PDB file of N, CA and C in Angstrom:
ATOM      1  N   UNK A   1     -16.569   2.396  16.972  1.00  0.00           N
ATOM      2  CA  UNK A   1     -16.679   1.899  15.635  1.00  0.00           C
ATOM      3  C   UNK A   1     -17.460   0.606  15.606  1.00  0.00           C
ATOM      4  N   UNK A   2     -17.402  -0.200  16.574  1.00  0.00           N
ATOM      5  CA  UNK A   2     -18.103  -1.471  16.553  1.00  0.00           C
ATOM      6  C   UNK A   2     -17.197  -2.571  17.037  1.00  0.00           C
ATOM      7  N   UNK A   3     -17.703  -3.755  17.014  1.00  0.00           N
ATOM      8  CA  UNK A   3     -16.946  -4.891  17.498  1.00  0.00           C
ATOM      9  C   UNK A   3     -15.830  -5.258  16.536  1.00  0.00           C
ATOM     10  N   UNK A   4     -14.659  -5.436  17.049  1.00  0.00           N
ATOM     11  CA  UNK A   4     -13.499  -5.745  16.219  1.00  0.00           C
ATOM     12  C   UNK A   4     -13.251  -7.244  16.102  1.00  0.00           C
ATOM     13  N   UNK A   5     -14.021  -8.052  16.780  1.00  0.00           N
ATOM     14  CA  UNK A   5     -13.804  -9.485  16.695  1.00  0.00           C
ATOM     15  C   UNK A   5     -12.975  -9.995  17.851  1.00  0.00           C
ATOM     16  N   UNK A   6     -12.393 -11.140  17.626  1.00  0.00           N
ATOM     17  CA  UNK A   6     -11.618 -11.805  18.665  1.00  0.00           C
ATOM     18  C   UNK A   6     -10.170 -11.320  18.642  1.00  0.00           C
ATOM     19  N   UNK A   7      -9.532 -11.276  19.806  1.00  0.00           N
ATOM     20  CA  UNK A   7      -8.132 -10.834  19.850  1.00  0.00           C
ATOM     21  C   UNK A   7      -7.221 -11.823  19.128  1.00  0.00           C
ATOM     22  N   UNK A   8      -6.116 -11.329  18.580  1.00  0.00           N
ATOM     23  CA  UNK A   8      -5.187 -12.197  17.840  1.00  0.00           C
ATOM     24  C   UNK A   8      -4.674 -13.381  18.669  1.00  0.00           C
ATOM     25  N   UNK A   9      -4.483 -13.188  19.978  1.00  0.00           N
ATOM     26  CA  UNK A   9      -3.984 -14.284  20.824  1.00  0.00           C
ATOM     27  C   UNK A   9      -4.996 -15.429  20.865  1.00  0.00           C
ATOM     28  N   UNK A  10      -6.273 -15.070  20.950  1.00  0.00           N
ATOM     29  CA  UNK A  10      -7.336 -16.076  20.970  1.00  0.00           C
ATOM     30  C   UNK A  10      -7.353 -16.832  19.634  1.00  0.00           C
ATOM     31  N   UNK A  11      -7.266 -16.101  18.546  1.00  0.00           N
ATOM     32  CA  UNK A  11      -7.256 -16.737  17.221  1.00  0.00           C
ATOM     33  C   UNK A  11      -6.084 -17.706  17.087  1.00  0.00           C
ATOM     34  N   UNK A  12      -4.920 -17.251  17.585  1.00  0.00           N
ATOM     35  CA  UNK A  12      -3.726 -18.096  17.487  1.00  0.00           C
ATOM     36  C   UNK A  12      -3.922 -19.396  18.266  1.00  0.00           C
ATOM     37  N   UNK A  13      -4.500 -19.301  19.469  1.00  0.00           N
ATOM     38  CA  UNK A  13      -4.723 -20.501  20.286  1.00  0.00           C
ATOM     39  C   UNK A  13      -5.715 -21.441  19.615  1.00  0.00           C
ATOM     40  N   UNK A  14      -6.759 -20.867  18.999  1.00  0.00           N
ATOM     41  CA  UNK A  14      -7.735 -21.690  18.288  1.00  0.00           C
ATOM     42  C   UNK A  14      -7.056 -22.417  17.124  1.00  0.00           C
ATOM     43  N   UNK A  15      -6.240 -21.691  16.370  1.00  0.00           N
ATOM     44  CA  UNK A  15      -5.541 -22.308  15.242  1.00  0.00           C
ATOM     45  C   UNK A  15      -4.543 -23.378  15.709  1.00  0.00           C
ATOM     46  N   UNK A  16      -3.942 -23.166  16.868  1.00  0.00           N
ATOM     47  CA  UNK A  16      -3.042 -24.176  17.425  1.00  0.00           C
ATOM     48  C   UNK A  16      -3.803 -25.454  17.776  1.00  0.00           C
ATOM     49  N   UNK A  17      -5.019 -25.296  18.317  1.00  0.00           N
ATOM     50  CA  UNK A  17      -5.854 -26.468  18.623  1.00  0.00           C
ATOM     51  C   UNK A  17      -6.191 -27.243  17.350  1.00  0.00           C
ATOM     52  N   UNK A  18      -6.527 -26.510  16.303  1.00  0.00           N
ATOM     53  CA  UNK A  18      -6.862 -27.154  15.024  1.00  0.00           C
ATOM     54  C   UNK A  18      -5.625 -27.825  14.441  1.00  0.00           C
ATOM     55  N   UNK A  19      -4.479 -27.161  14.524  1.00  0.00           N
ATOM     56  CA  UNK A  19      -3.235 -27.729  13.999  1.00  0.00           C
ATOM     57  C   UNK A  19      -2.830 -28.982  14.775  1.00  0.00           C
ATOM     58  N   UNK A  20      -3.237 -29.060  16.041  1.00  0.00           N
ATOM     59  CA  UNK A  20      -2.916 -30.226  16.868  1.00  0.00           C
ATOM     60  C   UNK A  20      -3.804 -31.419  16.523  1.00  0.00           C
ATOM     61  N   UNK A  21      -4.782 -31.207  15.633  1.00  0.00           N
ATOM     62  CA  UNK A  21      -5.587 -32.331  15.191  1.00  0.00           C
ATOM     63  C   UNK A  21      -7.036 -32.324  15.641  1.00  0.00           C
ATOM     64  N   UNK A  22      -7.429 -31.343  16.429  1.00  0.00           N
ATOM     65  CA  UNK A  22      -8.831 -31.288  16.857  1.00  0.00           C
ATOM     66  C   UNK A  22      -9.708 -30.825  15.699  1.00  0.00           C
ATOM     67  N   UNK A  23     -10.843 -31.480  15.499  1.00  0.00           N
ATOM     68  CA  UNK A  23     -11.744 -31.069  14.413  1.00  0.00           C
ATOM     69  C   UNK A  23     -12.272 -29.647  14.634  1.00  0.00           C
ATOM     70  N   UNK A  24     -12.364 -28.897  13.549  1.00  0.00           N
ATOM     71  CA  UNK A  24     -12.809 -27.510  13.618  1.00  0.00           C
ATOM     72  C   UNK A  24     -14.199 -27.407  14.237  1.00  0.00           C
ATOM     73  N   UNK A  25     -15.083 -28.308  13.863  1.00  0.00           N
ATOM     74  CA  UNK A  25     -16.450 -28.268  14.375  1.00  0.00           C
ATOM     75  C   UNK A  25     -16.459 -28.428  15.895  1.00  0.00           C
ATOM     76  N   UNK A  26     -15.624 -29.316  16.427  1.00  0.00           N
ATOM     77  CA  UNK A  26     -15.553 -29.526  17.870  1.00  0.00           C
ATOM     78  C   UNK A  26     -14.998 -28.294  18.588  1.00  0.00           C
ATOM     79  N   UNK A  27     -13.944 -27.718  18.034  1.00  0.00           N
ATOM     80  CA  UNK A  27     -13.334 -26.529  18.642  1.00  0.00           C
ATOM     81  C   UNK A  27     -14.346 -25.385  18.654  1.00  0.00           C
ATOM     82  N   UNK A  28     -15.045 -25.209  17.527  1.00  0.00           N
ATOM     83  CA  UNK A  28     -16.036 -24.140  17.429  1.00  0.00           C
ATOM     84  C   UNK A  28     -17.149 -24.327  18.458  1.00  0.00           C
ATOM     85  N   UNK A  29     -17.647 -25.532  18.580  1.00  0.00           N
ATOM     86  CA  UNK A  29     -18.728 -25.807  19.535  1.00  0.00           C
ATOM     87  C   UNK A  29     -18.244 -25.595  20.968  1.00  0.00           C
ATOM     88  N   UNK A  30     -17.064 -26.093  21.298  1.00  0.00           N
ATOM     89  CA  UNK A  30     -16.539 -25.976  22.660  1.00  0.00           C
ATOM     90  C   UNK A  30     -16.298 -24.515  23.069  1.00  0.00           C
ATOM     91  N   UNK A  31     -15.882 -23.689  22.110  1.00  0.00           N
ATOM     92  CA  UNK A  31     -15.556 -22.296  22.421  1.00  0.00           C
ATOM     93  C   UNK A  31     -16.708 -21.332  22.131  1.00  0.00           C
ATOM     94  N   UNK A  32     -17.768 -21.828  21.537  1.00  0.00           N
ATOM     95  CA  UNK A  32     -18.929 -20.981  21.261  1.00  0.00           C
ATOM     96  C   UNK A  32     -18.704 -19.983  20.139  1.00  0.00           C
ATOM     97  N   UNK A  33     -17.910 -20.369  19.151  1.00  0.00           N
ATOM     98  CA  UNK A  33     -17.696 -19.509  17.982  1.00  0.00           C
ATOM     99  C   UNK A  33     -18.114 -20.291  16.740  1.00  0.00           C
ATOM    100  N   UNK A  34     -18.249 -19.599  15.627  1.00  0.00           N
ATOM    101  CA  UNK A  34     -18.689 -20.294  14.423  1.00  0.00           C
ATOM    102  C   UNK A  34     -17.507 -21.011  13.766  1.00  0.00           C
ATOM    103  N   UNK A  35     -17.823 -22.152  13.173  1.00  0.00           N
ATOM    104  CA  UNK A  35     -16.798 -22.912  12.452  1.00  0.00           C
ATOM    105  C   UNK A  35     -16.285 -22.093  11.274  1.00  0.00           C
ATOM    106  N   UNK A  36     -17.169 -21.305  10.653  1.00  0.00           N
ATOM    107  CA  UNK A  36     -16.757 -20.487   9.508  1.00  0.00           C
ATOM    108  C   UNK A  36     -15.680 -19.484   9.904  1.00  0.00           C
ATOM    109  N   UNK A  37     -15.774 -18.945  11.128  1.00  0.00           N
ATOM    110  CA  UNK A  37     -14.737 -18.022  11.594  1.00  0.00           C
ATOM    111  C   UNK A  37     -13.387 -18.726  11.637  1.00  0.00           C
ATOM    112  N   UNK A  38     -13.383 -19.938  12.142  1.00  0.00           N
ATOM    113  CA  UNK A  38     -12.123 -20.683  12.237  1.00  0.00           C
ATOM    114  C   UNK A  38     -11.573 -20.983  10.853  1.00  0.00           C
ATOM    115  N   UNK A  39     -12.443 -21.367   9.915  1.00  0.00           N
ATOM    116  CA  UNK A  39     -11.984 -21.621   8.546  1.00  0.00           C
ATOM    117  C   UNK A  39     -11.374 -20.356   7.940  1.00  0.00           C
ATOM    118  N   UNK A  40     -12.005 -19.219   8.195  1.00  0.00           N
ATOM    119  CA  UNK A  40     -11.480 -17.946   7.678  1.00  0.00           C
ATOM    120  C   UNK A  40     -10.125 -17.619   8.304  1.00  0.00           C
ATOM    121  N   UNK A  41     -10.020 -17.805   9.615  1.00  0.00           N
ATOM    122  CA  UNK A  41      -8.750 -17.540  10.302  1.00  0.00           C
ATOM    123  C   UNK A  41      -7.656 -18.445   9.768  1.00  0.00           C
ATOM    124  N   UNK A  42      -7.988 -19.719   9.547  1.00  0.00           N
ATOM    125  CA  UNK A  42      -6.997 -20.676   9.050  1.00  0.00           C
ATOM    126  C   UNK A  42      -6.535 -20.289   7.651  1.00  0.00           C
ATOM    127  N   UNK A  43      -7.482 -19.883   6.808  1.00  0.00           N
ATOM    128  CA  UNK A  43      -7.113 -19.477   5.448  1.00  0.00           C
ATOM    129  C   UNK A  43      -6.204 -18.248   5.488  1.00  0.00           C
ATOM    130  N   UNK A  44      -6.568 -17.252   6.322  1.00  0.00           N
ATOM    131  CA  UNK A  44      -5.738 -16.054   6.410  1.00  0.00           C
ATOM    132  C   UNK A  44      -4.353 -16.391   6.959  1.00  0.00           C
ATOM    133  N   UNK A  45      -4.275 -17.310   7.893  1.00  0.00           N
ATOM    134  CA  UNK A  45      -2.987 -17.731   8.441  1.00  0.00           C
ATOM    135  C   UNK A  45      -2.127 -18.380   7.357  1.00  0.00           C
ATOM    136  N   UNK A  46      -2.757 -19.185   6.516  1.00  0.00           N
ATOM    137  CA  UNK A  46      -2.020 -19.813   5.418  1.00  0.00           C
ATOM    138  C   UNK A  46      -1.537 -18.773   4.411  1.00  0.00           C
ATOM    139  N   UNK A  47      -2.337 -17.742   4.167  1.00  0.00           N
ATOM    140  CA  UNK A  47      -1.925 -16.661   3.270  1.00  0.00           C
ATOM    141  C   UNK A  47      -0.744 -15.911   3.886  1.00  0.00           C
ATOM    142  N   UNK A  48      -0.836 -15.613   5.186  1.00  0.00           N
ATOM    143  CA  UNK A  48       0.252 -14.900   5.871  1.00  0.00           C
ATOM    144  C   UNK A  48       1.557 -15.684   5.841  1.00  0.00           C
ATOM    145  N   UNK A  49       1.454 -17.006   5.840  1.00  0.00           N
ATOM    146  CA  UNK A  49       2.641 -17.863   5.795  1.00  0.00           C
ATOM    147  C   UNK A  49       3.164 -18.061   4.377  1.00  0.00           C
ATOM    148  N   UNK A  50       2.409 -17.574   3.385  1.00  0.00           N
ATOM    149  CA  UNK A  50       2.836 -17.713   1.999  1.00  0.00           C
ATOM    150  C   UNK A  50       2.455 -19.047   1.375  1.00  0.00           C
ATOM    151  N   UNK A  51       1.569 -19.793   2.021  1.00  0.00           N
ATOM    152  CA  UNK A  51       1.165 -21.096   1.503  1.00  0.00           C
ATOM    153  C   UNK A  51       0.009 -20.996   0.509  1.00  0.00           C
ATOM    154  N   UNK A  52      -0.718 -19.883   0.538  1.00  0.00           N
ATOM    155  CA  UNK A  52      -1.834 -19.648  -0.380  1.00  0.00           C
ATOM    156  C   UNK A  52      -1.711 -18.234  -0.924  1.00  0.00           C
ATOM    157  N   UNK A  53      -2.213 -18.022  -2.145  1.00  0.00           N
ATOM    158  CA  UNK A  53      -2.178 -16.662  -2.687  1.00  0.00           C
ATOM    159  C   UNK A  53      -3.247 -15.786  -2.029  1.00  0.00           C
ATOM    160  N   UNK A  54      -2.981 -14.494  -1.966  1.00  0.00           N
ATOM    161  CA  UNK A  54      -3.935 -13.553  -1.390  1.00  0.00           C
ATOM    162  C   UNK A  54      -3.220 -12.432  -0.666  1.00  0.00           C
ATOM    163  N   UNK A  55      -4.005 -11.484  -0.157  1.00  0.00           N
ATOM    164  CA  UNK A  55      -3.441 -10.364   0.602  1.00  0.00           C
ATOM    165  C   UNK A  55      -3.138 -10.794   2.027  1.00  0.00           C
ATOM    166  N   UNK A  56      -1.933 -10.492   2.472  1.00  0.00           N
ATOM    167  CA  UNK A  56      -1.567 -10.811   3.850  1.00  0.00           C
ATOM    168  C   UNK A  56      -2.289  -9.861   4.797  1.00  0.00           C
ATOM    169  N   UNK A  57      -2.268 -10.179   6.065  1.00  0.00           N
ATOM    170  CA  UNK A  57      -2.913  -9.325   7.069  1.00  0.00           C
ATOM    171  C   UNK A  57      -2.327  -7.921   7.050  1.00  0.00           C
ATOM    172  N   UNK A  58      -1.004  -7.830   6.903  1.00  0.00           N
ATOM    173  CA  UNK A  58      -0.349  -6.518   6.872  1.00  0.00           C
ATOM    174  C   UNK A  58      -0.798  -5.732   5.643  1.00  0.00           C
ATOM    175  N   UNK A  59      -0.892  -6.402   4.502  1.00  0.00           N
ATOM    176  CA  UNK A  59      -1.332  -5.734   3.285  1.00  0.00           C
ATOM    177  C   UNK A  59      -2.786  -5.278   3.399  1.00  0.00           C
ATOM    178  N   UNK A  60      -3.623  -6.123   4.008  1.00  0.00           N
ATOM    179  CA  UNK A  60      -5.030  -5.744   4.206  1.00  0.00           C
ATOM    180  C   UNK A  60      -5.135  -4.518   5.103  1.00  0.00           C
ATOM    181  N   UNK A  61      -4.340  -4.499   6.163  1.00  0.00           N
ATOM    182  CA  UNK A  61      -4.350  -3.380   7.086  1.00  0.00           C
ATOM    183  C   UNK A  61      -3.898  -2.102   6.383  1.00  0.00           C
ATOM    184  N   UNK A  62      -2.838  -2.202   5.598  1.00  0.00           N
ATOM    185  CA  UNK A  62      -2.322  -1.052   4.863  1.00  0.00           C
ATOM    186  C   UNK A  62      -3.351  -0.550   3.839  1.00  0.00           C
ATOM    187  N   UNK A  63      -4.010  -1.468   3.159  1.00  0.00           N
ATOM    188  CA  UNK A  63      -5.028  -1.103   2.178  1.00  0.00           C
ATOM    189  C   UNK A  63      -6.211  -0.408   2.839  1.00  0.00           C
ATOM    190  N   UNK A  64      -6.639  -0.912   3.985  1.00  0.00           N
ATOM    191  CA  UNK A  64      -7.743  -0.300   4.726  1.00  0.00           C
ATOM    192  C   UNK A  64      -7.377   1.114   5.158  1.00  0.00           C
ATOM    193  N   UNK A  65      -6.151   1.292   5.654  1.00  0.00           N
ATOM    194  CA  UNK A  65      -5.704   2.624   6.078  1.00  0.00           C
ATOM    195  C   UNK A  65      -5.643   3.572   4.882  1.00  0.00           C
ATOM    196  N   UNK A  66      -5.179   3.078   3.735  1.00  0.00           N
ATOM    197  CA  UNK A  66      -5.098   3.912   2.540  1.00  0.00           C
ATOM    198  C   UNK A  66      -6.489   4.323   2.065  1.00  0.00           C
ATOM    199  N   UNK A  67      -7.427   3.396   2.088  1.00  0.00           N
ATOM    200  CA  UNK A  67      -8.801   3.714   1.676  1.00  0.00           C
ATOM    201  C   UNK A  67      -9.421   4.746   2.610  1.00  0.00           C
ATOM    202  N   UNK A  68      -9.158   4.602   3.902  1.00  0.00           N
ATOM    203  CA  UNK A  68      -9.672   5.564   4.880  1.00  0.00           C
ATOM    204  C   UNK A  68      -9.088   6.950   4.612  1.00  0.00           C
ATOM    205  N   UNK A  69      -7.794   7.019   4.338  1.00  0.00           N
ATOM    206  CA  UNK A  69      -7.128   8.303   4.074  1.00  0.00           C
ATOM    207  C   UNK A  69      -7.658   8.933   2.788  1.00  0.00           C
ATOM    208  N   UNK A  70      -7.884   8.119   1.765  1.00  0.00           N
ATOM    209  CA  UNK A  70      -8.429   8.628   0.504  1.00  0.00           C
ATOM    210  C   UNK A  70      -9.813   9.231   0.744  1.00  0.00           C
ATOM    211  N   UNK A  71     -10.635   8.548   1.531  1.00  0.00           N
ATOM    212  CA  UNK A  71     -11.973   9.057   1.834  1.00  0.00           C
ATOM    213  C   UNK A  71     -11.886  10.400   2.570  1.00  0.00           C
ATOM    214  N   UNK A  72     -10.945  10.521   3.506  1.00  0.00           N
ATOM    215  CA  UNK A  72     -10.761  11.781   4.233  1.00  0.00           C
ATOM    216  C   UNK A  72     -10.349  12.905   3.277  1.00  0.00           C
ATOM    217  N   UNK A  73      -9.405  12.590   2.386  1.00  0.00           N
ATOM    218  CA  UNK A  73      -8.925  13.602   1.447  1.00  0.00           C
ATOM    219  C   UNK A  73     -10.011  14.019   0.461  1.00  0.00           C
ATOM    220  N   UNK A  74     -10.817  13.050   0.025  1.00  0.00           N
ATOM    221  CA  UNK A  74     -11.916  13.380  -0.888  1.00  0.00           C
ATOM    222  C   UNK A  74     -12.950  14.267  -0.198  1.00  0.00           C
ATOM    223  N   UNK A  75     -13.236  13.991   1.072  1.00  0.00           N
ATOM    224  CA  UNK A  75     -14.172  14.829   1.822  1.00  0.00           C
ATOM    225  C   UNK A  75     -13.613  16.240   1.987  1.00  0.00           C
ATOM    226  N   UNK A  76     -12.338  16.330   2.285  1.00  0.00           N
ATOM    227  CA  UNK A  76     -11.689  17.633   2.441  1.00  0.00           C
ATOM    228  C   UNK A  76     -11.711  18.404   1.121  1.00  0.00           C
ATOM    229  N   UNK A  77     -11.448  17.717   0.028  1.00  0.00           N
ATOM    230  CA  UNK A  77     -11.469  18.349  -1.289  1.00  0.00           C
ATOM    231  C   UNK A  77     -12.876  18.853  -1.626  1.00  0.00           C
ATOM    232  N   UNK A  78     -13.892  18.080  -1.280  1.00  0.00           N
ATOM    233  CA  UNK A  78     -15.273  18.495  -1.529  1.00  0.00           C
ATOM    234  C   UNK A  78     -15.597  19.774  -0.765  1.00  0.00           C
ATOM    235  N   UNK A  79     -15.112  19.876   0.470  1.00  0.00           N
ATOM    236  CA  UNK A  79     -15.327  21.094   1.265  1.00  0.00           C
ATOM    237  C   UNK A  79     -14.659  22.284   0.589  1.00  0.00           C
ATOM    238  N   UNK A  80     -13.424  22.107   0.135  1.00  0.00           N
ATOM    239  CA  UNK A  80     -12.698  23.200  -0.524  1.00  0.00           C
ATOM    240  C   UNK A  80     -13.387  23.614  -1.826  1.00  0.00           C
ATOM    241  N   UNK A  81     -13.858  22.641  -2.572  1.00  0.00           N
ATOM    242  CA  UNK A  81     -14.561  22.958  -3.822  1.00  0.00           C
ATOM    243  C   UNK A  81     -15.835  23.755  -3.538  1.00  0.00           C
ATOM    244  N   UNK A  82     -16.586  23.329  -2.541  1.00  0.00           N
ATOM    245  CA  UNK A  82     -17.830  24.014  -2.196  1.00  0.00           C
ATOM    246  C   UNK A  82     -17.539  25.435  -1.714  1.00  0.00           C
ATOM    247  N   UNK A  83     -16.502  25.584  -0.898  1.00  0.00           N
ATOM    248  CA  UNK A  83     -16.120  26.920  -0.424  1.00  0.00           C
ATOM    249  C   UNK A  83     -15.726  27.802  -1.608  1.00  0.00           C
ATOM    250  N   UNK A  84     -15.020  27.247  -2.545  1.00  0.00           N
ATOM    251  CA  UNK A  84     -14.609  27.993  -3.729  1.00  0.00           C
ATOM    252  C   UNK A  84     -15.826  28.433  -4.539  1.00  0.00           C
ATOM    253  N   UNK A  85     -16.808  27.540  -4.680  1.00  0.00           N
ATOM    254  CA  UNK A  85     -18.038  27.881  -5.393  1.00  0.00           C
ATOM    255  C   UNK A  85     -18.754  29.046  -4.700  1.00  0.00           C
ATOM    256  N   UNK A  86     -18.882  28.964  -3.386  1.00  0.00           N
ATOM    257  CA  UNK A  86     -19.572  30.004  -2.633  1.00  0.00           C
ATOM    258  C   UNK A  86     -18.838  31.332  -2.699  1.00  0.00           C
ATOM    259  N   UNK A  87     -17.523  31.291  -2.587  1.00  0.00           N
ATOM    260  CA  UNK A  87     -16.745  32.530  -2.659  1.00  0.00           C
ATOM    261  C   UNK A  87     -16.807  33.125  -4.054  1.00  0.00           C
ATOM    262  N   UNK A  88     -16.883  32.303  -5.067  1.00  0.00           N
ATOM    263  CA  UNK A  88     -16.985  32.796  -6.442  1.00  0.00           C
ATOM    264  C   UNK A  88     -18.267  33.561  -6.668  1.00  0.00           C
ATOM    265  N   UNK A  89     -19.323  33.183  -5.962  1.00  0.00           N
ATOM    266  CA  UNK A  89     -20.606  33.870  -6.101  1.00  0.00           C
ATOM    267  C   UNK A  89     -20.619  35.188  -5.325  1.00  0.00           C
ATOM    268  N   UNK A  90     -19.877  35.255  -4.233  1.00  0.00           N
ATOM    269  CA  UNK A  90     -19.879  36.433  -3.368  1.00  0.00           C
ATOM    270  C   UNK A  90     -18.867  37.464  -3.839  1.00  0.00           C
ATOM    271  N   UNK A  91     -17.659  37.043  -4.154  1.00  0.00           N
ATOM    272  CA  UNK A  91     -16.590  37.949  -4.546  1.00  0.00           C
ATOM    273  C   UNK A  91     -16.406  37.841  -6.056  1.00  0.00           C
ATOM    274  N   UNK A  92     -16.696  38.906  -6.785  1.00  0.00           N
ATOM    275  CA  UNK A  92     -16.530  38.825  -8.237  1.00  0.00           C
ATOM    276  C   UNK A  92     -15.044  38.688  -8.595  1.00  0.00           C
ATOM    277  N   UNK A  93     -14.772  37.954  -9.663  1.00  0.00           N
ATOM    278  CA  UNK A  93     -13.366  37.804 -10.045  1.00  0.00           C
ATOM    279  C   UNK A  93     -12.798  39.143 -10.497  1.00  0.00           C
ATOM    280  N   UNK A  94     -11.502  39.319 -10.275  1.00  0.00           N
ATOM    281  CA  UNK A  94     -10.848  40.565 -10.678  1.00  0.00           C
ATOM    282  C   UNK A  94     -10.740  40.578 -12.200  1.00  0.00           C
ATOM    283  N   UNK A  95     -11.090  41.697 -12.754  1.00  0.00           N
ATOM    284  CA  UNK A  95     -10.984  41.829 -14.204  1.00  0.00           C
ATOM    285  C   UNK A  95      -9.607  42.391 -14.553  1.00  0.00           C
ATOM    286  N   UNK A  96      -9.010  41.919 -15.556  1.00  0.00           N
ATOM    287  CA  UNK A  96      -7.690  42.329 -16.061  1.00  0.00           C
ATOM    288  C   UNK A  96      -7.045  43.500 -15.375  1.00  0.00           C
ATOM    289  N   UNK A  97      -6.717  44.528 -16.132  1.00  0.00           N
ATOM    290  CA  UNK A  97      -6.053  45.702 -15.543  1.00  0.00           C
ATOM    291  C   UNK A  97      -7.066  46.798 -15.273  1.00  0.00           C
ATOM    292  N   UNK A  98      -6.673  47.774 -14.441  1.00  0.00           N
ATOM    293  CA  UNK A  98      -7.542  48.901 -14.123  1.00  0.00           C
ATOM    294  C   UNK A  98      -7.625  49.840 -15.330  1.00  0.00           C
ATOM    295  N   UNK A  99      -8.775  50.478 -15.440  1.00  0.00           N
ATOM    296  CA  UNK A  99      -8.843  51.481 -16.525  1.00  0.00           C
ATOM    297  C   UNK A  99      -7.883  52.646 -16.223  1.00  0.00           C
ATOM    298  N   UNK A 100      -7.240  53.137 -17.220  1.00  0.00           N
ATOM    299  CA  UNK A 100      -6.294  54.238 -17.025  1.00  0.00           C
ATOM    300  C   UNK A 100      -7.031  55.553 -16.864  1.00  0.00           C
ATOM    301  N   UNK A 101      -6.410  56.510 -16.183  1.00  0.00           N
ATOM    302  CA  UNK A 101      -7.028  57.815 -15.944  1.00  0.00           C
ATOM    303  C   UNK A 101      -6.593  58.796 -16.950  1.00  0.00           C
TER     304      UNK A 101
END
C-alpha cells in the first residue's frame, strides 16, 4: 500500500521530548523529520486526550475502515448490477402464465 509513516513508539518518544521542553524545531532537526509532522502528532495527541475537539485516532481508524468497506460493497453491487443487465439481455423474462391447451 505504501509507506505508513513512523511507528507509534517513535511518535510517543518524540512527543515526550517536546513535552520535556525541547523546542520542536530542534527535535525535528536532530531526528531528521519535519517540524510539521511533530506539530500534527502533538495536535492529534491532544485530541486523543480530550484537550481539543476533533476525531480521535480510534475514530479516524474506524471511519477509514468503514469507508473502505463501503467502497468494497459498492464495487460488489456494481458487479451484480452489470451481471443482471447482461443476463436480462440473454435470458428473456418469463411472461405471465402459459397459454392453455
